[in-house]
Amino acid sequence: MRKILYLFCFFTLFSCMSQDKINNQDSVTNINVSDLDDVNWMDKNIDKYFVSKHYIQLESDTNMLFGEIDKIVLRDNRIYILDQWNTYSIFIFDENGRFINKVDHKGEGPEEYIDMRDMFYDDYENTINILTYGGSGNRYKIMSYDRDGNKLVKQQPIDLKIAQVERAKDGRYVFHSKHSSNRPNITSSLFVYSRTMQRLYSGLPINFDWINKMSSSSKSIYKDTDDNIYCSSDNITDIYQITEDSLRKCYHYDFGKYNFPKELNTPDIVEKMGRSHQLNNYVLEIKDFYKRKNFIISTILFKGQYRLVFYDKTSNSVNSYLMPNFKCFSNNYMITTSSTDTYIHLFKNPSIIGEERTNKLKQYFKYPLREDDNPILEIYEFK
């Protein structure tokens, strides 16, 4: 009886603590996405949402080649590319694609890392940062480098088990664990810390069915050009804004018949459905999110392809578009990538897009194209 009473008190306390930090009372905007059965391509609607599109050919000598693009950050005429699992490095280029430096310090020393969990640009201290695990003491830590990656400026140890990080311009840190925990008393996925690393509040209760189990590769923290920070979590379609003292639920995406059934949302079922490709028939979560003055843009994965969902705040209309090569949103831009093979084929066959467009496209490429070069970045600037 005492054990039952203890468990009841624990979960009651946990529930109250979580609710205190999540504000669900304000109005929530429901975004109903009903056109997923339609096949609309983003390229036919570029002028509606973007000012321009340009291409960046990255230098591709031996020490500049990366394996995969896990994250891209554009900031202050710099391009930061995280290759998390192949080279364990950050590659730094200028805005024209010229190689500047590579942050590559994998190891077990005090100024090294065993792996890389995330990369983010710190506008408060003007540094490029790696969330890492390992090195001296085998702890999670943030390693901060100057903007060109030449000097390790500082290291900040973190006692939490963290998957993603973002930092506001006022110095606040936002940490997301994606349903992971390294201590029994850690029951939230989202933590907000002051610039001096004092915990301000936490939220997004960990789903205990998922704790320390499989997690998705989706971004869970999003930042817009006005320094507003938003968050979500694995296997949900809600968006929360991070305020000074709590999380405010502000958007809910409803995909109708393609919503993932709640009764199936367990690790064993999701893993089984993933292996059999049954998850392709549902929208499981928000992959990326970005807010503009008149539009709210999110990315989802549906039937194995990325789609952009545009919500027009003025007309309250929603449109989704196929965008297979989507990578991320960063600093008022959307970034996609294509292999050099794509452009080699276009240039050899100018009739595909026409002679005039082909010649105009060639002007973006300063070096001869080779099949094994780094991919081409396609940069779309939002209106």
Protein backbone atom coordinates (compact mmCIF):
# COMPACT_ATOMS: atom_id res chain seq x y z
CA MET A 1 0.00 0.00 0.00
CA ARG A 2 2.82 2.40 0.90
CA LYS A 3 4.51 1.59 -2.43
CA ILE A 4 1.31 2.35 -4.36
CA LEU A 5 0.87 5.62 -2.46
CA TYR A 6 4.49 6.57 -3.18
CA LEU A 7 4.07 5.95 -6.91
CA PHE A 8 0.82 7.91 -6.96
CA CYS A 9 2.47 10.89 -5.25
CA PHE A 10 5.48 10.72 -7.58
CA PHE A 11 3.44 10.79 -10.77
CA THR A 12 1.10 13.45 -9.39
CA LEU A 13 4.07 15.66 -8.51
CA PHE A 14 5.67 15.01 -11.88
CA SER A 15 2.45 15.91 -13.69
CA CYS A 16 2.04 19.16 -11.77
CA MET A 17 5.65 20.20 -12.31
CA SER A 18 5.37 19.61 -16.05
CA GLN A 19 2.11 21.53 -16.39
CA ASP A 20 3.57 24.51 -14.54
CA LYS A 21 6.13 25.00 -17.29
CA ILE A 22 3.93 24.38 -20.33
CA ASN A 23 1.38 27.06 -21.10
CA ASN A 24 -1.51 25.52 -23.03
CA GLN A 25 -4.01 28.24 -22.13
CA ASP A 26 -3.15 30.70 -24.89
CA SER A 27 -4.75 30.28 -28.28
CA VAL A 28 -3.24 27.53 -30.39
CA THR A 29 -3.27 27.88 -34.16
CA ASN A 30 -4.46 24.68 -35.81
CA ILE A 31 -2.85 24.13 -39.20
CA ASN A 32 -4.93 21.66 -41.18
CA VAL A 33 -2.99 20.06 -44.03
CA SER A 34 -5.40 18.43 -46.48
CA ASP A 35 -3.55 18.37 -49.82
CA LEU A 36 -1.01 15.58 -49.26
CA ASP A 37 -2.68 13.49 -51.97
CA ASP A 38 -1.83 16.21 -54.50
CA VAL A 39 1.55 16.30 -56.24
CA ASN A 40 2.69 19.94 -56.19
CA TRP A 41 6.35 20.72 -56.88
CA MET A 42 8.09 23.54 -55.05
CA ASP A 43 10.06 24.63 -58.13
CA LYS A 44 6.84 25.79 -59.80
CA ASN A 45 6.04 28.09 -56.87
CA ILE A 46 9.43 29.64 -56.09
CA ASP A 47 8.38 33.22 -56.89
CA LYS A 48 5.50 33.05 -54.43
CA TYR A 49 7.71 32.62 -51.38
CA PHE A 50 11.31 33.46 -52.32
CA VAL A 51 13.14 36.55 -53.52
CA SER A 52 15.93 34.66 -55.24
CA LYS A 53 17.72 31.38 -55.73
CA HIS A 54 21.45 30.99 -56.20
CA TYR A 55 23.95 28.17 -56.26
CA ILE A 56 27.19 27.62 -54.37
CA GLN A 57 29.89 25.29 -55.65
CA LEU A 58 32.01 24.24 -52.68
CA GLU A 59 35.73 23.70 -53.10
CA SER A 60 36.41 19.99 -53.19
CA ASP A 61 40.09 19.14 -52.76
CA THR A 62 41.02 16.09 -50.67
CA ASN A 63 40.95 17.69 -47.20
CA MET A 64 37.71 19.55 -48.02
CA LEU A 65 35.53 16.54 -48.91
CA PHE A 66 32.80 15.51 -46.49
CA GLY A 67 30.76 12.33 -46.42
CA GLU A 68 27.26 13.49 -45.48
CA ILE A 69 25.58 16.78 -44.65
CA ASP A 70 23.92 16.41 -41.26
CA LYS A 71 23.40 20.13 -40.66
CA ILE A 72 24.11 23.46 -42.36
CA VAL A 73 24.33 26.86 -40.67
CA LEU A 74 24.67 30.12 -42.63
CA ARG A 75 25.97 33.04 -40.59
CA ASP A 76 28.02 36.19 -41.24
CA ASN A 77 29.29 35.20 -44.71
CA ARG A 78 30.22 31.74 -43.49
CA ILE A 79 28.86 28.30 -44.35
CA TYR A 80 29.20 25.68 -41.61
CA ILE A 81 28.62 22.06 -42.59
CA LEU A 82 28.42 19.29 -39.99
CA ASP A 83 29.47 15.80 -41.10
CA GLN A 84 28.50 14.00 -37.93
CA TRP A 85 29.19 10.34 -38.64
CA ASN A 86 31.69 10.07 -41.51
CA THR A 87 34.51 12.54 -40.87
CA TYR A 88 33.35 13.77 -37.42
CA SER A 89 34.13 17.32 -38.56
CA ILE A 90 32.77 20.78 -39.23
CA PHE A 91 33.72 22.19 -42.64
CA ILE A 92 33.84 25.97 -42.93
CA PHE A 93 33.48 27.79 -46.27
CA ASP A 94 32.94 31.42 -47.16
CA GLU A 95 29.77 32.61 -48.90
CA ASN A 96 31.31 31.87 -52.31
CA GLY A 97 32.23 28.28 -51.47
CA ARG A 98 35.93 28.88 -50.80
CA PHE A 99 37.28 26.51 -48.15
CA ILE A 100 38.40 28.21 -44.91
CA ASN A 101 38.99 25.53 -42.32
CA LYS A 102 37.96 22.19 -40.86
CA VAL A 103 37.27 21.53 -37.17
CA ASP A 104 38.57 18.00 -36.73
CA HIS A 105 39.62 17.01 -33.21
CA LYS A 106 38.27 13.51 -32.70
CA GLY A 107 40.03 11.71 -29.88
CA GLU A 108 40.05 11.17 -26.12
CA GLY A 109 42.17 14.10 -24.98
CA PRO A 110 40.97 17.07 -22.88
CA GLU A 111 40.41 19.23 -25.98
CA GLU A 112 39.01 16.42 -28.16
CA TYR A 113 35.69 14.63 -28.61
CA ILE A 114 34.67 11.02 -29.17
CA ASP A 115 31.63 11.95 -31.24
CA MET A 116 29.53 14.94 -32.29
CA ARG A 117 25.89 15.36 -31.27
CA ASP A 118 25.03 18.77 -32.71
CA MET A 119 26.41 22.02 -34.12
CA PHE A 120 25.10 25.53 -33.53
CA TYR A 121 26.21 29.13 -34.02
CA ASP A 122 26.31 31.23 -30.85
CA ASP A 123 25.19 34.78 -31.69
CA TYR A 124 25.80 35.85 -28.08
CA GLU A 125 29.54 35.06 -28.18
CA ASN A 126 30.02 34.87 -31.96
CA THR A 127 31.37 31.31 -31.91
CA ILE A 128 30.73 28.08 -33.78
CA ASN A 129 29.95 25.30 -31.32
CA ILE A 130 29.91 21.53 -31.12
CA LEU A 131 27.82 19.54 -28.68
CA THR A 132 30.02 16.56 -27.91
CA TYR A 133 30.32 13.56 -25.68
CA GLY A 134 33.60 12.17 -24.45
CA GLY A 135 37.10 13.41 -23.98
CA SER A 136 38.40 13.98 -20.47
CA GLY A 137 35.79 12.80 -17.96
CA ASN A 138 33.45 11.37 -20.62
CA ARG A 139 30.86 14.12 -20.13
CA TYR A 140 28.60 16.03 -22.42
CA LYS A 141 30.11 19.40 -23.20
CA ILE A 142 29.95 22.35 -25.56
CA MET A 143 33.20 23.11 -27.36
CA SER A 144 33.26 26.71 -28.64
CA TYR A 145 35.55 27.83 -31.47
CA ASP A 146 36.12 31.22 -33.07
CA ARG A 147 34.04 31.80 -36.19
CA ASP A 148 36.73 30.39 -38.49
CA GLY A 149 37.41 27.34 -36.34
CA ASN A 150 41.03 28.25 -35.66
CA LYS A 151 40.96 28.45 -31.87
CA LEU A 152 39.13 26.58 -29.12
CA VAL A 153 37.71 29.46 -27.07
CA LYS A 154 36.16 27.53 -24.18
CA GLN A 155 34.58 24.27 -23.07
CA GLN A 156 31.34 24.11 -21.10
CA PRO A 157 30.53 20.78 -19.36
CA ILE A 158 26.87 19.78 -19.13
CA ASP A 159 25.44 17.31 -16.63
CA LEU A 160 22.42 16.50 -18.81
CA LYS A 161 22.14 13.90 -21.55
CA ILE A 162 21.56 16.16 -24.55
CA ALA A 163 20.89 15.63 -28.26
CA GLN A 164 20.44 19.21 -29.56
CA VAL A 165 21.31 22.76 -28.50
CA GLU A 166 20.42 26.31 -29.50
CA ARG A 167 21.32 29.63 -27.91
CA ALA A 168 19.40 32.90 -27.93
CA LYS A 169 21.02 36.28 -28.50
CA ASP A 170 20.45 37.15 -24.83
CA GLY A 171 22.64 34.20 -23.84
CA ARG A 172 20.00 31.67 -22.79
CA TYR A 173 20.69 28.05 -23.70
CA VAL A 174 18.01 25.64 -24.89
CA PHE A 175 18.77 21.92 -24.55
CA HIS A 176 16.73 19.01 -25.95
CA SER A 177 17.28 15.40 -24.87
CA LYS A 178 14.81 13.69 -27.27
CA HIS A 179 13.38 11.39 -24.56
CA SER A 180 16.80 10.56 -23.09
CA SER A 181 17.86 10.85 -19.46
CA ASN A 182 21.03 10.09 -17.51
CA ARG A 183 19.46 10.42 -14.05
CA PRO A 184 16.17 9.13 -12.56
CA ASN A 185 15.13 12.63 -11.47
CA ILE A 186 15.43 14.01 -15.02
CA THR A 187 11.88 13.69 -16.34
CA SER A 188 11.77 16.37 -19.06
CA SER A 189 13.13 16.55 -22.60
CA LEU A 190 13.51 20.33 -22.83
CA PHE A 191 15.67 22.54 -20.57
CA VAL A 192 16.23 26.30 -20.62
CA TYR A 193 19.35 27.64 -18.90
CA SER A 194 20.60 31.17 -18.26
CA ARG A 195 23.78 32.50 -19.85
CA THR A 196 25.60 31.52 -16.64
CA MET A 197 24.29 27.94 -16.93
CA GLN A 198 21.65 28.20 -14.20
CA ARG A 199 18.54 26.15 -14.94
CA LEU A 200 15.52 28.41 -15.49
CA TYR A 201 12.86 25.80 -16.25
CA SER A 202 12.15 22.55 -18.04
CA GLY A 203 9.25 21.12 -20.02
CA LEU A 204 8.06 18.51 -22.51
CA PRO A 205 7.77 15.54 -20.15
CA ILE A 206 9.66 12.46 -21.25
CA ASN A 207 7.42 9.68 -22.50
CA PHE A 208 8.56 6.84 -20.25
CA ASP A 209 7.77 4.26 -22.95
CA TRP A 210 10.46 5.93 -25.06
CA ILE A 211 13.08 6.83 -22.48
CA ASN A 212 16.60 6.11 -23.77
CA LYS A 213 15.17 4.19 -26.71
CA MET A 214 15.12 4.96 -30.43
CA SER A 215 14.97 8.63 -31.40
CA SER A 216 14.54 10.29 -34.77
CA SER A 217 17.09 12.44 -36.56
CA SER A 218 14.60 15.31 -36.85
CA LYS A 219 15.48 18.73 -35.56
CA SER A 220 13.66 19.50 -32.33
CA ILE A 221 14.81 23.10 -31.73
CA TYR A 222 14.16 25.83 -34.29
CA LYS A 223 15.27 29.46 -34.45
CA ASP A 224 13.96 32.22 -36.70
CA THR A 225 15.62 35.47 -37.82
CA ASP A 226 13.92 37.42 -34.99
CA ASP A 227 15.69 35.20 -32.42
CA ASN A 228 12.48 33.42 -31.44
CA ILE A 229 13.17 29.82 -30.47
CA TYR A 230 10.63 27.04 -30.92
CA CYS A 231 10.69 23.35 -30.14
CA SER A 232 8.87 20.11 -30.74
CA SER A 233 9.64 16.49 -29.96
CA ASP A 234 9.78 13.08 -31.57
CA ASN A 235 6.50 11.67 -32.87
CA ILE A 236 4.33 14.73 -32.21
CA THR A 237 3.07 17.51 -34.48
CA ASP A 238 2.85 20.32 -31.91
CA ILE A 239 5.12 23.37 -31.89
CA TYR A 240 6.01 25.25 -28.68
CA GLN A 241 7.60 28.67 -28.31
CA ILE A 242 10.25 29.10 -25.64
CA THR A 243 9.40 32.18 -23.55
CA GLU A 244 11.17 33.70 -20.56
CA ASP A 245 9.47 31.45 -18.02
CA SER A 246 7.62 28.63 -19.81
CA LEU A 247 6.88 26.78 -23.01
CA ARG A 248 3.89 28.13 -24.89
CA LYS A 249 2.07 25.75 -27.18
CA CYS A 250 1.36 27.82 -30.27
CA TYR A 251 0.80 25.55 -33.30
CA HIS A 252 -0.74 22.15 -33.91
CA TYR A 253 -0.49 20.42 -37.28
CA ASP A 254 -3.40 18.18 -38.27
CA PHE A 255 -2.83 15.86 -41.22
CA GLY A 256 -6.28 14.25 -41.15
CA LYS A 257 -6.24 10.61 -42.21
CA TYR A 258 -2.43 10.74 -42.31
CA ASN A 259 -2.03 11.52 -38.61
CA PHE A 260 -0.13 8.73 -36.91
CA PRO A 261 -2.53 6.78 -34.63
CA LYS A 262 -1.77 7.37 -30.95
CA GLU A 263 -2.39 3.73 -30.08
CA LEU A 264 0.47 2.71 -32.39
CA ASN A 265 2.95 5.21 -30.96
CA THR A 266 5.16 2.80 -29.02
CA PRO A 267 8.84 1.99 -29.68
CA ASP A 268 8.23 -1.63 -30.67
CA ILE A 269 5.41 -0.84 -33.09
CA VAL A 270 7.17 2.18 -34.64
CA GLU A 271 10.36 0.19 -35.14
CA LYS A 272 8.45 -2.69 -36.72
CA MET A 273 6.45 -0.38 -39.01
CA GLY A 274 9.65 1.43 -39.97
CA ARG A 275 11.30 -1.80 -41.11
CA SER A 276 8.28 -2.67 -43.24
CA HIS A 277 8.00 0.91 -44.63
CA GLN A 278 4.48 1.28 -43.20
CA LEU A 279 5.45 4.59 -41.58
CA ASN A 280 5.58 6.10 -45.07
CA ASN A 281 1.78 6.22 -45.04
CA TYR A 282 1.68 8.64 -42.10
CA VAL A 283 3.12 11.95 -40.95
CA LEU A 284 4.92 11.09 -37.75
CA GLU A 285 6.43 14.44 -36.72
CA ILE A 286 7.64 17.86 -37.82
CA LYS A 287 11.13 17.62 -39.33
CA ASP A 288 11.93 21.34 -39.43
CA PHE A 289 10.12 24.61 -38.72
CA TYR A 290 10.61 28.26 -39.63
CA LYS A 291 8.51 31.36 -39.02
CA ARG A 292 8.32 34.40 -41.27
CA LYS A 293 6.19 37.53 -41.01
CA ASN A 294 3.41 36.26 -43.27
CA PHE A 295 4.21 32.56 -43.55
CA ILE A 296 4.94 29.62 -41.29
CA ILE A 297 6.92 26.89 -42.99
CA SER A 298 7.48 23.36 -41.80
CA THR A 299 8.99 20.23 -43.29
CA ILE A 300 7.52 16.76 -43.06
CA LEU A 301 8.42 13.36 -44.43
CA PHE A 302 5.55 11.68 -46.30
CA LYS A 303 5.74 8.58 -48.48
CA GLY A 304 9.52 8.74 -48.33
CA GLN A 305 9.80 12.32 -49.65
CA TYR A 306 10.25 15.71 -48.01
CA ARG A 307 7.38 18.15 -48.29
CA LEU A 308 7.28 21.81 -47.40
CA VAL A 309 4.08 22.97 -45.71
CA PHE A 310 3.37 26.70 -46.05
CA TYR A 311 0.76 28.27 -43.79
CA ASP A 312 -0.29 31.74 -44.99
CA LYS A 313 -1.21 33.70 -41.86
CA THR A 314 -3.00 36.38 -43.88
CA SER A 315 -5.36 34.13 -45.83
CA ASN A 316 -5.32 31.21 -43.36
CA SER A 317 -4.52 28.89 -46.27
CA VAL A 318 -2.23 25.86 -46.33
CA ASN A 319 -0.24 24.46 -49.25
CA SER A 320 2.27 21.62 -49.37
CA TYR A 321 4.97 21.07 -51.98
CA LEU A 322 7.36 18.27 -52.84
CA MET A 323 10.98 19.18 -52.10
CA PRO A 324 13.06 15.97 -52.23
CA ASN A 325 16.50 17.55 -51.71
CA PHE A 326 15.60 19.71 -48.71
CA LYS A 327 18.30 20.14 -46.05
CA CYS A 328 17.37 22.91 -43.63
CA PHE A 329 16.31 26.49 -42.91
CA SER A 330 19.00 28.90 -41.75
CA ASN A 331 19.13 32.67 -41.29
CA ASN A 332 16.32 33.64 -43.70
CA TYR A 333 17.27 30.97 -46.24
CA MET A 334 16.12 27.54 -47.26
CA ILE A 335 18.90 25.19 -48.35
CA THR A 336 18.69 22.20 -50.65
CA THR A 337 21.50 20.15 -52.17
CA SER A 338 22.09 18.24 -55.40
CA SER A 339 24.93 16.00 -56.48
CA THR A 340 27.37 17.29 -59.08
CA ASP A 341 26.12 14.50 -61.36
CA THR A 342 22.84 16.40 -61.70
CA TYR A 343 24.57 19.47 -63.11
CA ILE A 344 27.05 17.53 -65.21
CA HIS A 345 24.07 15.90 -66.92
CA LEU A 346 22.29 19.26 -67.38
CA PHE A 347 25.33 20.91 -68.92
CA LYS A 348 25.87 18.01 -71.31
CA ASN A 349 22.23 18.16 -72.36
CA PRO A 350 21.24 21.86 -72.52
CA SER A 351 17.96 21.03 -74.25
CA ILE A 352 16.58 19.82 -70.90
CA ILE A 353 16.10 23.35 -69.54
CA GLY A 354 17.00 25.33 -72.65
CA GLU A 355 20.23 26.89 -73.89
CA GLU A 356 19.65 30.28 -72.26
CA ARG A 357 18.90 28.88 -68.79
CA THR A 358 21.80 26.45 -69.04
CA ASN A 359 24.29 29.22 -69.84
CA LYS A 360 22.93 31.36 -67.00
CA LEU A 361 23.27 28.43 -64.60
CA LYS A 362 26.87 27.78 -65.65
CA GLN A 363 27.86 31.23 -64.37
CA TYR A 364 27.57 30.00 -60.78
CA PHE A 365 30.24 27.33 -61.28
CA LYS A 366 33.85 28.50 -61.09
CA TYR A 367 35.56 25.11 -61.21
CA PRO A 368 35.19 22.11 -63.55
CA LEU A 369 32.59 19.70 -62.21
CA ARG A 370 33.72 16.24 -61.10
CA GLU A 371 31.52 13.33 -60.03
CA ASP A 372 33.17 12.97 -56.62
CA ASP A 373 33.01 16.66 -55.68
CA ASN A 374 31.06 18.01 -52.73
CA PRO A 375 27.35 18.51 -53.47
CA ILE A 376 26.05 21.80 -54.83
CA LEU A 377 24.20 24.04 -52.38
CA GLU A 378 21.00 25.64 -53.66
CA ILE A 379 20.14 28.71 -51.58
CA TYR A 380 16.63 30.18 -51.55
CA GLU A 381 16.14 33.57 -49.89
CA PHE A 382 12.74 34.10 -48.27
CA LYS A 383 10.63 37.14 -49.06
